[in-house]
Amino acid sequence: METDTKENKLFIRHPAVKTTIKRLIVGEYVQENDFSPNYLLTKDDQKIYRLNIMAIIVNKESQGSITNILVEDGTEKIIIRSFEENKNIDGLQIGNVILVIGKLRIYNQEKYISPEIIKKIDISWLKLRLLELDEFKKLKSKDMINIIKEEKNGEKDKENKINENSKILIKETIKLQEKNDMIFEKKIEKKTKEENQQNIEEDIIEENIEIDKLLPVQKLSKLISELDKGNGVPIEEIIEVSPLEKTEELLEKMLENGDIFQNMPGKVKVL
């Protein structure tokens, strides 16, 4: 009976919480035991197991099947890290506005997002998100102006690639701050519109869940190959970065079946 309870806990699907990147950066990442998922504890004591952000891509780098995407939403920046090839991710470019549903991870003291769904969206959705979250309303105009200055002082080639989306976002945020009272009144009138937007976001999520064609063992083998620099990969590192559930059990089965082997204590390689 106790085993059934533990198994049920493992398969609880927590809702994706709308948040800003800053809340993710300043919050505390809490690592639980084997039977409870890790989560982010925000400064206001909210537990975030799964997150929902909208942001602008400011940089993108790929190495094999691993892709790192740097995004910002006007409050902070964070890396989105994918360990598998994905057509949606391959088609994204610097300057695109995206919706991301996923989980927060940490590796070498650096927080990053492991995406479940990543989708290019129109900047209008980001403007509406500005109305929804209090963190955006608390931003001061001078803070946003500093962001503009930092971007202008950066490398010119990168600034050109970011296109007009970042500037539009900043201008819109400043306008929202200056008209804060008006926004609260309009927010009440737009309650129906916000409910419709929630439905549309859920539709986006449902439409973009792709069936994974690779078996868990194949996915884990591919990940180990990508991480292996020649001397094998530490088992702890594999468990930390793997997006799969029950990675430790999969590794044990792979060792038993001869899919991988321990080339030295605590490290494995693919045959």
Protein backbone atom coordinates (compact mmCIF):
# COMPACT_ATOMS: atom_id res chain seq x y z
CA MET A 1 0.00 0.00 0.00
CA GLU A 2 2.86 2.33 0.85
CA THR A 3 4.53 1.49 -2.48
CA ASP A 4 1.36 2.45 -4.36
CA THR A 5 1.28 5.80 -2.58
CA LYS A 6 4.90 6.50 -3.53
CA GLU A 7 4.24 5.54 -7.15
CA ASN A 8 1.22 7.84 -7.32
CA LYS A 9 3.34 10.74 -6.07
CA LEU A 10 5.80 10.20 -8.89
CA PHE A 11 3.13 10.66 -11.54
CA ILE A 12 1.48 13.83 -10.22
CA ARG A 13 1.48 16.39 -13.05
CA HIS A 14 1.74 19.83 -11.48
CA PRO A 15 0.26 22.85 -13.31
CA ALA A 16 2.67 25.16 -15.16
CA VAL A 17 2.87 28.42 -13.18
CA LYS A 18 3.08 31.71 -15.09
CA THR A 19 6.12 33.55 -13.80
CA THR A 20 8.93 35.95 -14.65
CA ILE A 21 12.54 34.91 -15.11
CA LYS A 22 13.61 37.03 -12.14
CA ARG A 23 11.50 34.91 -9.77
CA LEU A 24 13.32 31.84 -11.05
CA ILE A 25 16.75 33.42 -10.59
CA VAL A 26 16.25 34.80 -7.07
CA GLY A 27 14.23 31.82 -5.80
CA GLU A 28 15.71 28.80 -4.00
CA TYR A 29 16.02 25.50 -5.87
CA VAL A 30 14.92 22.70 -3.52
CA GLN A 31 16.07 19.12 -4.17
CA GLU A 32 13.74 16.51 -2.72
CA ASN A 33 14.16 12.76 -2.13
CA ASP A 34 13.61 10.00 -4.69
CA PHE A 35 9.83 10.01 -4.24
CA SER A 36 9.17 13.76 -4.55
CA PRO A 37 9.97 16.10 -7.46
CA ASN A 38 12.37 19.02 -7.07
CA TYR A 39 10.90 22.52 -7.12
CA LEU A 40 11.66 26.25 -6.93
CA LEU A 41 10.71 28.07 -3.74
CA THR A 42 10.05 31.74 -4.58
CA LYS A 43 10.66 34.68 -2.27
CA ASP A 44 6.91 34.74 -1.51
CA ASP A 45 7.01 31.02 -0.56
CA GLN A 46 5.31 29.70 -3.70
CA LYS A 47 6.42 26.26 -4.88
CA ILE A 48 6.94 26.04 -8.66
CA TYR A 49 7.30 22.50 -9.99
CA ARG A 50 6.56 23.40 -13.62
CA LEU A 51 6.86 26.87 -15.12
CA ASN A 52 5.32 28.92 -17.91
CA ILE A 53 7.31 31.89 -19.26
CA MET A 54 7.24 34.15 -22.31
CA ALA A 55 10.51 35.74 -23.40
CA ILE A 56 12.69 36.93 -26.29
CA ILE A 57 15.61 34.90 -27.64
CA VAL A 58 18.86 36.88 -27.38
CA ASN A 59 21.33 34.08 -28.19
CA LYS A 60 21.30 30.50 -29.43
CA GLU A 61 24.12 27.91 -29.55
CA SER A 62 24.11 24.24 -30.55
CA GLN A 63 26.62 21.43 -29.94
CA GLY A 64 25.52 18.10 -31.34
CA SER A 65 21.99 17.47 -30.10
CA ILE A 66 22.43 19.87 -27.14
CA THR A 67 21.01 23.37 -27.71
CA ASN A 68 21.38 26.34 -25.34
CA ILE A 69 18.99 29.27 -25.83
CA LEU A 70 19.49 32.48 -23.83
CA VAL A 71 16.22 34.36 -23.28
CA GLU A 72 15.12 37.51 -21.45
CA ASP A 73 11.73 38.93 -20.48
CA GLY A 74 12.74 42.38 -19.19
CA THR A 75 13.27 41.15 -15.61
CA GLU A 76 16.22 38.74 -16.04
CA LYS A 77 17.90 36.27 -18.40
CA ILE A 78 18.09 32.47 -18.25
CA ILE A 79 19.28 29.54 -20.38
CA ILE A 80 16.84 27.06 -21.93
CA ARG A 81 18.73 23.80 -22.46
CA SER A 82 17.52 20.95 -24.69
CA PHE A 83 19.37 17.62 -24.90
CA GLU A 84 17.53 16.23 -27.92
CA GLU A 85 16.93 17.27 -31.50
CA ASN A 86 13.64 19.13 -31.93
CA LYS A 87 12.23 20.69 -35.11
CA ASN A 88 10.55 23.50 -33.16
CA ILE A 89 13.84 24.44 -31.50
CA ASP A 90 15.84 24.14 -34.74
CA GLY A 91 13.52 26.68 -36.39
CA LEU A 92 13.89 29.32 -33.66
CA GLN A 93 16.03 32.41 -34.28
CA ILE A 94 17.47 35.29 -32.28
CA GLY A 95 14.75 37.89 -31.78
CA ASN A 96 11.84 35.42 -31.73
CA VAL A 97 9.28 35.67 -28.93
CA ILE A 98 8.59 32.24 -27.41
CA LEU A 99 6.31 30.47 -24.95
CA VAL A 100 8.12 27.91 -22.80
CA ILE A 101 6.58 25.24 -20.56
CA GLY A 102 9.11 23.23 -18.56
CA LYS A 103 10.97 22.57 -15.33
CA LEU A 104 13.78 24.40 -13.61
CA ARG A 105 17.04 22.47 -13.26
CA ILE A 106 20.42 23.29 -11.75
CA TYR A 107 23.88 22.13 -12.82
CA ASN A 108 27.20 23.41 -11.42
CA GLN A 109 25.24 26.03 -9.43
CA GLU A 110 23.69 27.40 -12.65
CA LYS A 111 19.92 27.40 -13.08
CA TYR A 112 18.45 26.55 -16.47
CA ILE A 113 15.10 25.50 -17.93
CA SER A 114 14.51 22.01 -19.29
CA PRO A 115 11.69 22.58 -21.81
CA GLU A 116 8.70 20.30 -22.25
CA ILE A 117 7.15 22.60 -24.86
CA ILE A 118 8.73 25.53 -26.67
CA LYS A 119 6.72 27.50 -29.21
CA LYS A 120 7.25 30.69 -31.23
CA ILE A 121 4.43 33.18 -30.57
CA ASP A 122 3.38 36.67 -31.64
CA ILE A 123 4.70 39.52 -29.50
CA SER A 124 1.08 40.49 -28.73
CA TRP A 125 0.89 37.55 -26.30
CA LEU A 126 3.94 38.89 -24.47
CA LYS A 127 2.28 42.30 -24.15
CA LEU A 128 -0.75 40.63 -22.59
CA ARG A 129 1.51 38.71 -20.20
CA LEU A 130 2.86 42.08 -19.04
CA LEU A 131 -0.65 42.95 -17.90
CA GLU A 132 -1.04 39.70 -15.98
CA LEU A 133 2.08 39.53 -13.80
CA ASP A 134 2.69 41.99 -10.96
CA GLU A 135 6.48 41.71 -11.34
CA PHE A 136 6.32 43.58 -14.63
CA LYS A 137 4.28 46.42 -13.11
CA LYS A 138 6.93 46.90 -10.39
CA LEU A 139 9.66 47.57 -12.93
CA LYS A 140 10.77 51.20 -12.93
CA SER A 141 11.11 53.10 -16.18
CA LYS A 142 14.76 53.90 -15.43
CA ASP A 143 15.49 50.17 -15.00
CA MET A 144 14.15 49.49 -18.47
CA ILE A 145 16.16 52.41 -19.88
CA ASN A 146 19.30 50.81 -18.38
CA ILE A 147 18.46 47.60 -20.22
CA ILE A 148 18.36 49.59 -23.47
CA LYS A 149 21.78 51.12 -22.68
CA GLU A 150 23.30 47.72 -21.90
CA GLU A 151 22.10 46.35 -25.21
CA LYS A 152 23.54 49.38 -27.07
CA ASN A 153 26.91 48.88 -25.39
CA GLY A 154 27.01 45.20 -26.45
CA GLU A 155 28.47 43.82 -29.64
CA LYS A 156 26.86 45.52 -32.64
CA ASP A 157 26.39 42.33 -34.64
CA LYS A 158 24.38 40.71 -31.83
CA GLU A 159 22.32 43.86 -31.35
CA ASN A 160 21.37 43.86 -35.01
CA LYS A 161 20.26 40.22 -34.82
CA ILE A 162 17.94 40.82 -31.87
CA ASN A 163 15.80 43.00 -34.24
CA GLU A 164 13.08 45.29 -32.95
CA ASN A 165 11.29 42.88 -30.61
CA SER A 166 13.39 43.66 -27.50
CA LYS A 167 12.99 47.41 -28.02
CA ILE A 168 9.25 47.03 -28.51
CA LEU A 169 9.00 45.00 -25.30
CA ILE A 170 10.90 47.64 -23.31
CA LYS A 171 8.82 50.52 -24.68
CA GLU A 172 5.61 48.69 -23.91
CA THR A 173 6.76 47.97 -20.35
CA ILE A 174 7.54 51.65 -19.76
CA LYS A 175 4.11 52.64 -21.04
CA LEU A 176 2.47 50.12 -18.75
CA GLN A 177 4.34 51.50 -15.74
CA GLU A 178 3.33 55.10 -16.54
CA LYS A 179 -0.32 54.11 -16.95
CA ASN A 180 -0.55 51.73 -14.03
CA ASP A 181 -3.93 52.94 -12.78
CA MET A 182 -5.44 52.70 -16.23
CA ILE A 183 -4.12 49.16 -16.59
CA PHE A 184 -5.92 47.97 -13.45
CA GLU A 185 -9.21 49.34 -14.77
CA LYS A 186 -8.71 47.77 -18.19
CA LYS A 187 -7.65 44.51 -16.62
CA ILE A 188 -11.12 44.10 -15.10
CA GLU A 189 -12.75 44.81 -18.47
CA LYS A 190 -10.45 42.33 -20.18
CA LYS A 191 -11.22 39.45 -17.82
CA THR A 192 -13.04 37.58 -20.56
CA LYS A 193 -10.17 38.17 -22.97
CA GLU A 194 -7.66 36.80 -20.45
CA GLU A 195 -9.76 33.67 -20.00
CA ASN A 196 -9.80 33.21 -23.78
CA GLN A 197 -6.04 33.68 -23.85
CA GLN A 198 -5.64 30.94 -21.22
CA ASN A 199 -7.64 28.60 -23.43
CA ILE A 200 -5.50 29.48 -26.44
CA GLU A 201 -2.29 28.79 -24.49
CA GLU A 202 -3.64 25.40 -23.46
CA ASP A 203 -4.44 24.69 -27.12
CA ILE A 204 -0.87 25.62 -28.06
CA ILE A 205 0.42 23.19 -25.44
CA GLU A 206 -1.80 20.34 -26.62
CA GLU A 207 -1.04 20.91 -30.31
CA ASN A 208 2.72 20.90 -29.78
CA ILE A 209 3.22 17.82 -27.62
CA GLU A 210 5.15 15.53 -29.97
CA ILE A 211 5.21 11.75 -29.58
CA ASP A 212 8.74 10.75 -28.69
CA LYS A 213 9.84 8.11 -31.20
CA LEU A 214 12.92 7.05 -29.24
CA LEU A 215 12.73 4.54 -26.40
CA PRO A 216 13.99 5.78 -22.98
CA VAL A 217 17.09 3.54 -23.28
CA GLN A 218 17.90 4.99 -26.71
CA LYS A 219 17.44 8.55 -25.44
CA LEU A 220 19.69 7.90 -22.45
CA SER A 221 22.36 6.26 -24.65
CA LYS A 222 22.32 9.29 -26.93
CA LEU A 223 22.65 11.67 -23.97
CA ILE A 224 25.61 9.72 -22.55
CA SER A 225 27.33 9.80 -25.95
CA GLU A 226 26.86 13.58 -26.16
CA LEU A 227 28.26 14.15 -22.66
CA ASP A 228 31.19 11.73 -23.04
CA LYS A 229 34.45 13.59 -23.73
CA GLY A 230 36.44 10.34 -23.91
CA ASN A 231 36.83 9.31 -20.28
CA GLY A 232 33.23 8.29 -19.59
CA VAL A 233 30.43 10.26 -17.91
CA PRO A 234 29.84 10.46 -14.13
CA ILE A 235 26.57 8.74 -13.20
CA GLU A 236 25.61 11.69 -10.98
CA GLU A 237 25.97 14.06 -13.94
CA ILE A 238 23.73 11.87 -16.12
CA ILE A 239 21.01 11.76 -13.44
CA GLU A 240 21.21 15.54 -12.98
CA VAL A 241 20.86 16.57 -16.64
CA SER A 242 18.58 13.78 -17.87
CA PRO A 243 15.00 14.89 -18.70
CA LEU A 244 13.77 11.30 -18.19
CA GLU A 245 11.95 9.97 -15.14
CA LYS A 246 13.63 7.17 -13.14
CA THR A 247 17.00 7.74 -14.82
CA GLU A 248 18.86 5.84 -12.09
CA GLU A 249 16.74 2.71 -12.63
CA LEU A 250 17.25 2.95 -16.40
CA LEU A 251 21.02 3.14 -15.92
CA GLU A 252 20.97 -0.02 -13.77
CA LYS A 253 18.99 -1.91 -16.42
CA MET A 254 21.33 -0.69 -19.17
CA LEU A 255 24.33 -1.92 -17.17
CA GLU A 256 22.66 -5.32 -16.67
CA ASN A 257 21.78 -5.60 -20.37
CA GLY A 258 25.23 -4.52 -21.53
CA ASP A 259 24.07 -1.31 -23.26
CA ILE A 260 26.63 0.64 -21.22
CA PHE A 261 29.58 -0.31 -19.03
CA GLN A 262 31.54 1.20 -16.14
CA ASN A 263 34.96 2.09 -17.47
CA MET A 264 35.92 3.28 -13.96
CA PRO A 265 34.11 3.63 -10.62
CA GLY A 266 31.20 6.03 -10.91
CA LYS A 267 31.58 6.54 -14.68
CA VAL A 268 29.90 4.85 -17.64
CA LYS A 269 30.37 4.67 -21.40
CA VAL A 270 28.17 3.50 -24.26
CA LEU A 271 29.26 0.27 -25.94
